[in-house]
Amino acid sequence: MNPIALVLLLIGYVLTVPIASRMKRVVESQNRLAMSGHQFGIGIICVGWVVGGRAPLIWLHILWAVAAIIWFNWYGGKSAKS
């Protein structure tokens, strides 16, 4: 694997995994900073997979990022109405 891709993947996963493991708390507290960090990390991971020549793996990460945003916004709308 390309060393630049490896560095990008390491940075992205180190940023994303801790936030993703606490996603329920992030959504419940509507922590926009954590969600932004998560999405930024996903972006870094996607760039890493492109640079590494494994572009099809991007779709899995994009799917998770979209699901996380929908969850964050949907739950946020529910809690704002309550």
PDB file of N, CA and C in Angstrom:
ATOM      1  N   MET A   1       0.846  -1.177   0.000  1.00  0.00           N
ATOM      2  CA  MET A   1       0.000   0.000   0.000  1.00  0.00           C
ATOM      3  C   MET A   1       0.893   1.241   0.000  1.00  0.00           C
ATOM      4  N   ASN A   2       0.397   2.245  -0.642  1.00  0.00           N
ATOM      5  CA  ASN A   2       1.057   3.537  -0.727  1.00  0.00           C
ATOM      6  C   ASN A   2       1.232   4.111   0.691  1.00  0.00           C
ATOM      7  N   PRO A   3       2.438   4.594   1.049  1.00  0.00           N
ATOM      8  CA  PRO A   3       2.642   5.124   2.397  1.00  0.00           C
ATOM      9  C   PRO A   3       1.758   6.341   2.715  1.00  0.00           C
ATOM     10  N   ILE A   4       1.472   7.154   1.732  1.00  0.00           N
ATOM     11  CA  ILE A   4       0.599   8.313   1.962  1.00  0.00           C
ATOM     12  C   ILE A   4      -0.815   7.835   2.278  1.00  0.00           C
ATOM     13  N   ALA A   5      -1.272   6.834   1.549  1.00  0.00           N
ATOM     14  CA  ALA A   5      -2.602   6.267   1.807  1.00  0.00           C
ATOM     15  C   ALA A   5      -2.656   5.679   3.209  1.00  0.00           C
ATOM     16  N   LEU A   6      -1.596   5.002   3.607  1.00  0.00           N
ATOM     17  CA  LEU A   6      -1.557   4.394   4.938  1.00  0.00           C
ATOM     18  C   LEU A   6      -1.648   5.458   6.033  1.00  0.00           C
ATOM     19  N   VAL A   7      -0.923   6.548   5.866  1.00  0.00           N
ATOM     20  CA  VAL A   7      -0.976   7.639   6.851  1.00  0.00           C
ATOM     21  C   VAL A   7      -2.373   8.252   6.900  1.00  0.00           C
ATOM     22  N   LEU A   8      -2.972   8.476   5.735  1.00  0.00           N
ATOM     23  CA  LEU A   8      -4.321   9.033   5.697  1.00  0.00           C
ATOM     24  C   LEU A   8      -5.325   8.101   6.379  1.00  0.00           C
ATOM     25  N   LEU A   9      -5.215   6.809   6.122  1.00  0.00           N
ATOM     26  CA  LEU A   9      -6.128   5.851   6.743  1.00  0.00           C
ATOM     27  C   LEU A   9      -5.944   5.813   8.257  1.00  0.00           C
ATOM     28  N   LEU A  10      -4.706   5.833   8.701  1.00  0.00           N
ATOM     29  CA  LEU A  10      -4.456   5.825  10.144  1.00  0.00           C
ATOM     30  C   LEU A  10      -5.044   7.063  10.814  1.00  0.00           C
ATOM     31  N   ILE A  11      -4.807   8.220  10.227  1.00  0.00           N
ATOM     32  CA  ILE A  11      -5.346   9.464  10.795  1.00  0.00           C
ATOM     33  C   ILE A  11      -6.875   9.426  10.794  1.00  0.00           C
ATOM     34  N   GLY A  12      -7.451   9.028   9.684  1.00  0.00           N
ATOM     35  CA  GLY A  12      -8.906   8.990   9.570  1.00  0.00           C
ATOM     36  C   GLY A  12      -9.550   8.030  10.543  1.00  0.00           C
ATOM     37  N   TYR A  13      -9.004   6.820  10.644  1.00  0.00           N
ATOM     38  CA  TYR A  13      -9.596   5.837  11.551  1.00  0.00           C
ATOM     39  C   TYR A  13      -9.384   6.208  13.012  1.00  0.00           C
ATOM     40  N   VAL A  14      -8.228   6.785  13.335  1.00  0.00           N
ATOM     41  CA  VAL A  14      -7.991   7.219  14.722  1.00  0.00           C
ATOM     42  C   VAL A  14      -8.975   8.316  15.110  1.00  0.00           C
ATOM     43  N   LEU A  15      -9.352   9.145  14.178  1.00  0.00           N
ATOM     44  CA  LEU A  15     -10.319  10.205  14.446  1.00  0.00           C
ATOM     45  C   LEU A  15     -11.753   9.672  14.479  1.00  0.00           C
ATOM     46  N   THR A  16     -12.071   8.743  13.612  1.00  0.00           N
ATOM     47  CA  THR A  16     -13.455   8.308  13.426  1.00  0.00           C
ATOM     48  C   THR A  16     -13.908   7.223  14.390  1.00  0.00           C
ATOM     49  N   VAL A  17     -13.097   6.222  14.625  1.00  0.00           N
ATOM     50  CA  VAL A  17     -13.535   5.057  15.415  1.00  0.00           C
ATOM     51  C   VAL A  17     -13.964   5.416  16.841  1.00  0.00           C
ATOM     52  N   PRO A  18     -13.214   6.237  17.588  1.00  0.00           N
ATOM     53  CA  PRO A  18     -13.683   6.569  18.940  1.00  0.00           C
ATOM     54  C   PRO A  18     -15.033   7.294  18.948  1.00  0.00           C
ATOM     55  N   ILE A  19     -15.255   8.145  17.966  1.00  0.00           N
ATOM     56  CA  ILE A  19     -16.528   8.861  17.890  1.00  0.00           C
ATOM     57  C   ILE A  19     -17.637   7.897  17.474  1.00  0.00           C
ATOM     58  N   ALA A  20     -17.359   7.041  16.500  1.00  0.00           N
ATOM     59  CA  ALA A  20     -18.370   6.090  16.031  1.00  0.00           C
ATOM     60  C   ALA A  20     -18.758   5.107  17.134  1.00  0.00           C
ATOM     61  N   SER A  21     -17.819   4.767  18.002  1.00  0.00           N
ATOM     62  CA  SER A  21     -18.134   3.833  19.084  1.00  0.00           C
ATOM     63  C   SER A  21     -19.041   4.476  20.135  1.00  0.00           C
ATOM     64  N   ARG A  22     -19.111   5.790  20.152  1.00  0.00           N
ATOM     65  CA  ARG A  22     -19.976   6.519  21.082  1.00  0.00           C
ATOM     66  C   ARG A  22     -21.071   7.283  20.331  1.00  0.00           C
ATOM     67  N   MET A  23     -21.428   6.796  19.163  1.00  0.00           N
ATOM     68  CA  MET A  23     -22.359   7.532  18.300  1.00  0.00           C
ATOM     69  C   MET A  23     -23.713   7.757  18.973  1.00  0.00           C
ATOM     70  N   LYS A  24     -24.184   6.799  19.749  1.00  0.00           N
ATOM     71  CA  LYS A  24     -25.478   6.984  20.398  1.00  0.00           C
ATOM     72  C   LYS A  24     -25.435   8.192  21.337  1.00  0.00           C
ATOM     73  N   ARG A  25     -24.343   8.324  22.097  1.00  0.00           N
ATOM     74  CA  ARG A  25     -24.205   9.480  22.998  1.00  0.00           C
ATOM     75  C   ARG A  25     -24.065  10.780  22.227  1.00  0.00           C
ATOM     76  N   VAL A  26     -23.335  10.737  21.119  1.00  0.00           N
ATOM     77  CA  VAL A  26     -23.155  11.934  20.283  1.00  0.00           C
ATOM     78  C   VAL A  26     -24.504  12.392  19.739  1.00  0.00           C
ATOM     79  N   VAL A  27     -25.316  11.443  19.290  1.00  0.00           N
ATOM     80  CA  VAL A  27     -26.626  11.780  18.743  1.00  0.00           C
ATOM     81  C   VAL A  27     -27.545  12.297  19.838  1.00  0.00           C
ATOM     82  N   GLU A  28     -27.570  11.624  20.978  1.00  0.00           N
ATOM     83  CA  GLU A  28     -28.457  12.050  22.069  1.00  0.00           C
ATOM     84  C   GLU A  28     -28.120  13.445  22.581  1.00  0.00           C
ATOM     85  N   SER A  29     -26.827  13.761  22.656  1.00  0.00           N
ATOM     86  CA  SER A  29     -26.423  15.074  23.157  1.00  0.00           C
ATOM     87  C   SER A  29     -26.364  16.133  22.050  1.00  0.00           C
ATOM     88  N   GLN A  30     -26.585  15.694  20.801  1.00  0.00           N
ATOM     89  CA  GLN A  30     -26.515  16.590  19.644  1.00  0.00           C
ATOM     90  C   GLN A  30     -25.181  17.339  19.608  1.00  0.00           C
ATOM     91  N   ASN A  31     -24.104  16.598  19.810  1.00  0.00           N
ATOM     92  CA  ASN A  31     -22.757  17.145  19.824  1.00  0.00           C
ATOM     93  C   ASN A  31     -22.290  17.362  18.381  1.00  0.00           C
ATOM     94  N   ARG A  32     -22.470  18.574  17.902  1.00  0.00           N
ATOM     95  CA  ARG A  32     -22.127  18.886  16.511  1.00  0.00           C
ATOM     96  C   ARG A  32     -20.620  18.849  16.251  1.00  0.00           C
ATOM     97  N   LEU A  33     -19.823  19.184  17.240  1.00  0.00           N
ATOM     98  CA  LEU A  33     -18.368  19.134  17.069  1.00  0.00           C
ATOM     99  C   LEU A  33     -17.907  17.697  16.853  1.00  0.00           C
ATOM    100  N   ALA A  34     -18.416  16.780  17.659  1.00  0.00           N
ATOM    101  CA  ALA A  34     -18.050  15.371  17.501  1.00  0.00           C
ATOM    102  C   ALA A  34     -18.535  14.839  16.154  1.00  0.00           C
ATOM    103  N   MET A  35     -19.742  15.207  15.756  1.00  0.00           N
ATOM    104  CA  MET A  35     -20.263  14.734  14.472  1.00  0.00           C
ATOM    105  C   MET A  35     -19.443  15.297  13.316  1.00  0.00           C
ATOM    106  N   SER A  36     -19.042  16.546  13.420  1.00  0.00           N
ATOM    107  CA  SER A  36     -18.196  17.143  12.381  1.00  0.00           C
ATOM    108  C   SER A  36     -16.845  16.439  12.314  1.00  0.00           C
ATOM    109  N   GLY A  37     -16.272  16.131  13.470  1.00  0.00           N
ATOM    110  CA  GLY A  37     -15.008  15.393  13.505  1.00  0.00           C
ATOM    111  C   GLY A  37     -15.145  14.022  12.886  1.00  0.00           C
ATOM    112  N   HIS A  38     -16.271  13.360  13.158  1.00  0.00           N
ATOM    113  CA  HIS A  38     -16.536  12.043  12.577  1.00  0.00           C
ATOM    114  C   HIS A  38     -16.614  12.135  11.058  1.00  0.00           C
ATOM    115  N   GLN A  39     -17.365  13.109  10.562  1.00  0.00           N
ATOM    116  CA  GLN A  39     -17.522  13.253   9.118  1.00  0.00           C
ATOM    117  C   GLN A  39     -16.194  13.644   8.450  1.00  0.00           C
ATOM    118  N   PHE A  40     -15.419  14.488   9.106  1.00  0.00           N
ATOM    119  CA  PHE A  40     -14.103  14.863   8.582  1.00  0.00           C
ATOM    120  C   PHE A  40     -13.198  13.635   8.513  1.00  0.00           C
ATOM    121  N   GLY A  41     -13.238  12.811   9.556  1.00  0.00           N
ATOM    122  CA  GLY A  41     -12.446  11.578   9.567  1.00  0.00           C
ATOM    123  C   GLY A  41     -12.852  10.637   8.445  1.00  0.00           C
ATOM    124  N   ILE A  42     -14.150  10.524   8.196  1.00  0.00           N
ATOM    125  CA  ILE A  42     -14.634   9.684   7.090  1.00  0.00           C
ATOM    126  C   ILE A  42     -14.096  10.218   5.762  1.00  0.00           C
ATOM    127  N   GLY A  43     -14.078  11.534   5.614  1.00  0.00           N
ATOM    128  CA  GLY A  43     -13.527  12.135   4.393  1.00  0.00           C
ATOM    129  C   GLY A  43     -12.054  11.799   4.209  1.00  0.00           C
ATOM    130  N   ILE A  44     -11.281  11.863   5.285  1.00  0.00           N
ATOM    131  CA  ILE A  44      -9.858  11.512   5.219  1.00  0.00           C
ATOM    132  C   ILE A  44      -9.690  10.044   4.836  1.00  0.00           C
ATOM    133  N   ILE A  45     -10.528   9.181   5.416  1.00  0.00           N
ATOM    134  CA  ILE A  45     -10.466   7.754   5.090  1.00  0.00           C
ATOM    135  C   ILE A  45     -10.755   7.537   3.606  1.00  0.00           C
ATOM    136  N   CYS A  46     -11.771   8.222   3.080  1.00  0.00           N
ATOM    137  CA  CYS A  46     -12.109   8.067   1.666  1.00  0.00           C
ATOM    138  C   CYS A  46     -10.960   8.500   0.762  1.00  0.00           C
ATOM    139  N   VAL A  47     -10.329   9.608   1.102  1.00  0.00           N
ATOM    140  CA  VAL A  47      -9.162  10.052   0.320  1.00  0.00           C
ATOM    141  C   VAL A  47      -8.045   9.014   0.414  1.00  0.00           C
ATOM    142  N   GLY A  48      -7.851   8.446   1.596  1.00  0.00           N
ATOM    143  CA  GLY A  48      -6.830   7.410   1.763  1.00  0.00           C
ATOM    144  C   GLY A  48      -7.094   6.194   0.897  1.00  0.00           C
ATOM    145  N   TRP A  49      -8.353   5.769   0.807  1.00  0.00           N
ATOM    146  CA  TRP A  49      -8.665   4.612  -0.034  1.00  0.00           C
ATOM    147  C   TRP A  49      -8.490   4.942  -1.512  1.00  0.00           C
ATOM    148  N   VAL A  50      -8.789   6.175  -1.920  1.00  0.00           N
ATOM    149  CA  VAL A  50      -8.573   6.556  -3.324  1.00  0.00           C
ATOM    150  C   VAL A  50      -7.081   6.545  -3.637  1.00  0.00           C
ATOM    151  N   VAL A  51      -6.286   7.167  -2.765  1.00  0.00           N
ATOM    152  CA  VAL A  51      -4.833   7.214  -2.984  1.00  0.00           C
ATOM    153  C   VAL A  51      -4.246   5.802  -2.974  1.00  0.00           C
ATOM    154  N   GLY A  52      -4.794   4.934  -2.143  1.00  0.00           N
ATOM    155  CA  GLY A  52      -4.315   3.558  -2.055  1.00  0.00           C
ATOM    156  C   GLY A  52      -4.802   2.665  -3.175  1.00  0.00           C
ATOM    157  N   GLY A  53      -5.671   3.181  -4.029  1.00  0.00           N
ATOM    158  CA  GLY A  53      -6.122   2.409  -5.175  1.00  0.00           C
ATOM    159  C   GLY A  53      -7.254   1.440  -4.864  1.00  0.00           C
ATOM    160  N   ARG A  54      -7.967   1.659  -3.776  1.00  0.00           N
ATOM    161  CA  ARG A  54      -9.078   0.768  -3.410  1.00  0.00           C
ATOM    162  C   ARG A  54     -10.368   1.579  -3.314  1.00  0.00           C
ATOM    163  N   ALA A  55     -10.667   2.266  -4.388  1.00  0.00           N
ATOM    164  CA  ALA A  55     -11.813   3.180  -4.421  1.00  0.00           C
ATOM    165  C   ALA A  55     -13.159   2.526  -4.094  1.00  0.00           C
ATOM    166  N   PRO A  56     -13.409   1.266  -4.439  1.00  0.00           N
ATOM    167  CA  PRO A  56     -14.721   0.693  -4.100  1.00  0.00           C
ATOM    168  C   PRO A  56     -15.025   0.692  -2.593  1.00  0.00           C
ATOM    169  N   LEU A  57     -14.020   0.718  -1.747  1.00  0.00           N
ATOM    170  CA  LEU A  57     -14.258   0.742  -0.306  1.00  0.00           C
ATOM    171  C   LEU A  57     -14.850   2.069   0.163  1.00  0.00           C
ATOM    172  N   ILE A  58     -14.757   3.078  -0.678  1.00  0.00           N
ATOM    173  CA  ILE A  58     -15.315   4.385  -0.329  1.00  0.00           C
ATOM    174  C   ILE A  58     -16.818   4.283  -0.107  1.00  0.00           C
ATOM    175  N   TRP A  59     -17.500   3.483  -0.906  1.00  0.00           N
ATOM    176  CA  TRP A  59     -18.961   3.418  -0.829  1.00  0.00           C
ATOM    177  C   TRP A  59     -19.451   2.935   0.527  1.00  0.00           C
ATOM    178  N   LEU A  60     -18.736   2.019   1.130  1.00  0.00           N
ATOM    179  CA  LEU A  60     -19.097   1.555   2.468  1.00  0.00           C
ATOM    180  C   LEU A  60     -19.005   2.703   3.482  1.00  0.00           C
ATOM    181  N   HIS A  61     -17.943   3.483   3.380  1.00  0.00           N
ATOM    182  CA  HIS A  61     -17.745   4.597   4.300  1.00  0.00           C
ATOM    183  C   HIS A  61     -18.751   5.720   4.049  1.00  0.00           C
ATOM    184  N   ILE A  62     -19.046   5.980   2.790  1.00  0.00           N
ATOM    185  CA  ILE A  62     -20.041   7.003   2.471  1.00  0.00           C
ATOM    186  C   ILE A  62     -21.414   6.579   2.984  1.00  0.00           C
ATOM    187  N   LEU A  63     -21.740   5.303   2.839  1.00  0.00           N
ATOM    188  CA  LEU A  63     -23.021   4.808   3.340  1.00  0.00           C
ATOM    189  C   LEU A  63     -23.129   5.012   4.848  1.00  0.00           C
ATOM    190  N   TRP A  64     -22.053   4.700   5.581  1.00  0.00           N
ATOM    191  CA  TRP A  64     -22.061   4.899   7.030  1.00  0.00           C
ATOM    192  C   TRP A  64     -22.180   6.393   7.370  1.00  0.00           C
ATOM    193  N   ALA A  65     -21.468   7.253   6.646  1.00  0.00           N
ATOM    194  CA  ALA A  65     -21.514   8.693   6.913  1.00  0.00           C
ATOM    195  C   ALA A  65     -22.919   9.245   6.680  1.00  0.00           C
ATOM    196  N   VAL A  66     -23.569   8.819   5.621  1.00  0.00           N
ATOM    197  CA  VAL A  66     -24.933   9.284   5.337  1.00  0.00           C
ATOM    198  C   VAL A  66     -25.894   8.769   6.404  1.00  0.00           C
ATOM    199  N   ALA A  67     -25.754   7.496   6.797  1.00  0.00           N
ATOM    200  CA  ALA A  67     -26.617   6.939   7.843  1.00  0.00           C
ATOM    201  C   ALA A  67     -26.424   7.690   9.162  1.00  0.00           C
ATOM    202  N   ALA A  68     -25.189   8.036   9.481  1.00  0.00           N
ATOM    203  CA  ALA A  68     -24.920   8.773  10.719  1.00  0.00           C
ATOM    204  C   ALA A  68     -25.540  10.164  10.685  1.00  0.00           C
ATOM    205  N   ILE A  69     -25.457  10.837   9.566  1.00  0.00           N
ATOM    206  CA  ILE A  69     -26.052  12.177   9.442  1.00  0.00           C
ATOM    207  C   ILE A  69     -27.574  12.102   9.539  1.00  0.00           C
ATOM    208  N   ILE A  70     -28.170  11.115   8.869  1.00  0.00           N
ATOM    209  CA  ILE A  70     -29.629  10.958   8.949  1.00  0.00           C
ATOM    210  C   ILE A  70     -30.033  10.683  10.387  1.00  0.00           C
ATOM    211  N   TRP A  71     -29.317   9.789  11.058  1.00  0.00           N
ATOM    212  CA  TRP A  71     -29.619   9.465  12.451  1.00  0.00           C
ATOM    213  C   TRP A  71     -29.497  10.720  13.326  1.00  0.00           C
ATOM    214  N   PHE A  72     -28.405  11.455  13.150  1.00  0.00           N
ATOM    215  CA  PHE A  72     -28.149  12.663  13.938  1.00  0.00           C
ATOM    216  C   PHE A  72     -29.261  13.695  13.733  1.00  0.00           C
ATOM    217  N   ASN A  73     -29.616  13.954  12.487  1.00  0.00           N
ATOM    218  CA  ASN A  73     -30.635  14.964  12.193  1.00  0.00           C
ATOM    219  C   ASN A  73     -32.038  14.485  12.558  1.00  0.00           C
ATOM    220  N   TRP A  74     -32.354  13.235  12.314  1.00  0.00           N
ATOM    221  CA  TRP A  74     -33.678  12.706  12.625  1.00  0.00           C
ATOM    222  C   TRP A  74     -33.918  12.697  14.130  1.00  0.00           C
ATOM    223  N   TYR A  75     -32.935  12.207  14.876  1.00  0.00           N
ATOM    224  CA  TYR A  75     -33.092  12.166  16.318  1.00  0.00           C
ATOM    225  C   TYR A  75     -33.100  13.580  16.897  1.00  0.00           C
ATOM    226  N   GLY A  76     -32.289  14.464  16.330  1.00  0.00           N
ATOM    227  CA  GLY A  76     -32.260  15.842  16.782  1.00  0.00           C
ATOM    228  C   GLY A  76     -33.598  16.530  16.586  1.00  0.00           C
ATOM    229  N   GLY A  77     -34.257  16.242  15.458  1.00  0.00           N
ATOM    230  CA  GLY A  77     -35.578  16.791  15.218  1.00  0.00           C
ATOM    231  C   GLY A  77     -36.604  16.241  16.196  1.00  0.00           C
ATOM    232  N   LYS A  78     -36.477  14.971  16.550  1.00  0.00           N
ATOM    233  CA  LYS A  78     -37.402  14.339  17.495  1.00  0.00           C
ATOM    234  C   LYS A  78     -37.249  14.941  18.884  1.00  0.00           C
ATOM    235  N   SER A  79     -35.986  15.116  19.329  1.00  0.00           N
ATOM    236  CA  SER A  79     -35.765  15.632  20.676  1.00  0.00           C
ATOM    237  C   SER A  79     -36.116  17.117  20.777  1.00  0.00           C
ATOM    238  N   ALA A  80     -36.019  17.851  19.674  1.00  0.00           N
ATOM    239  CA  ALA A  80     -36.370  19.263  19.691  1.00  0.00           C
ATOM    240  C   ALA A  80     -37.884  19.448  19.840  1.00  0.00           C
ATOM    241  N   LYS A  81     -38.663  18.494  19.317  1.00  0.00           N
ATOM    242  CA  LYS A  81     -40.123  18.571  19.399  1.00  0.00           C
ATOM    243  C   LYS A  81     -40.629  18.151  20.781  1.00  0.00           C
ATOM    244  N   SER A  82     -39.850  17.336  21.479  1.00  0.00           N
ATOM    245  CA  SER A  82     -40.288  16.821  22.776  1.00  0.00           C
ATOM    246  C   SER A  82     -40.242  17.879  23.847  1.00  0.00           C
TER     247      SER A  82
END
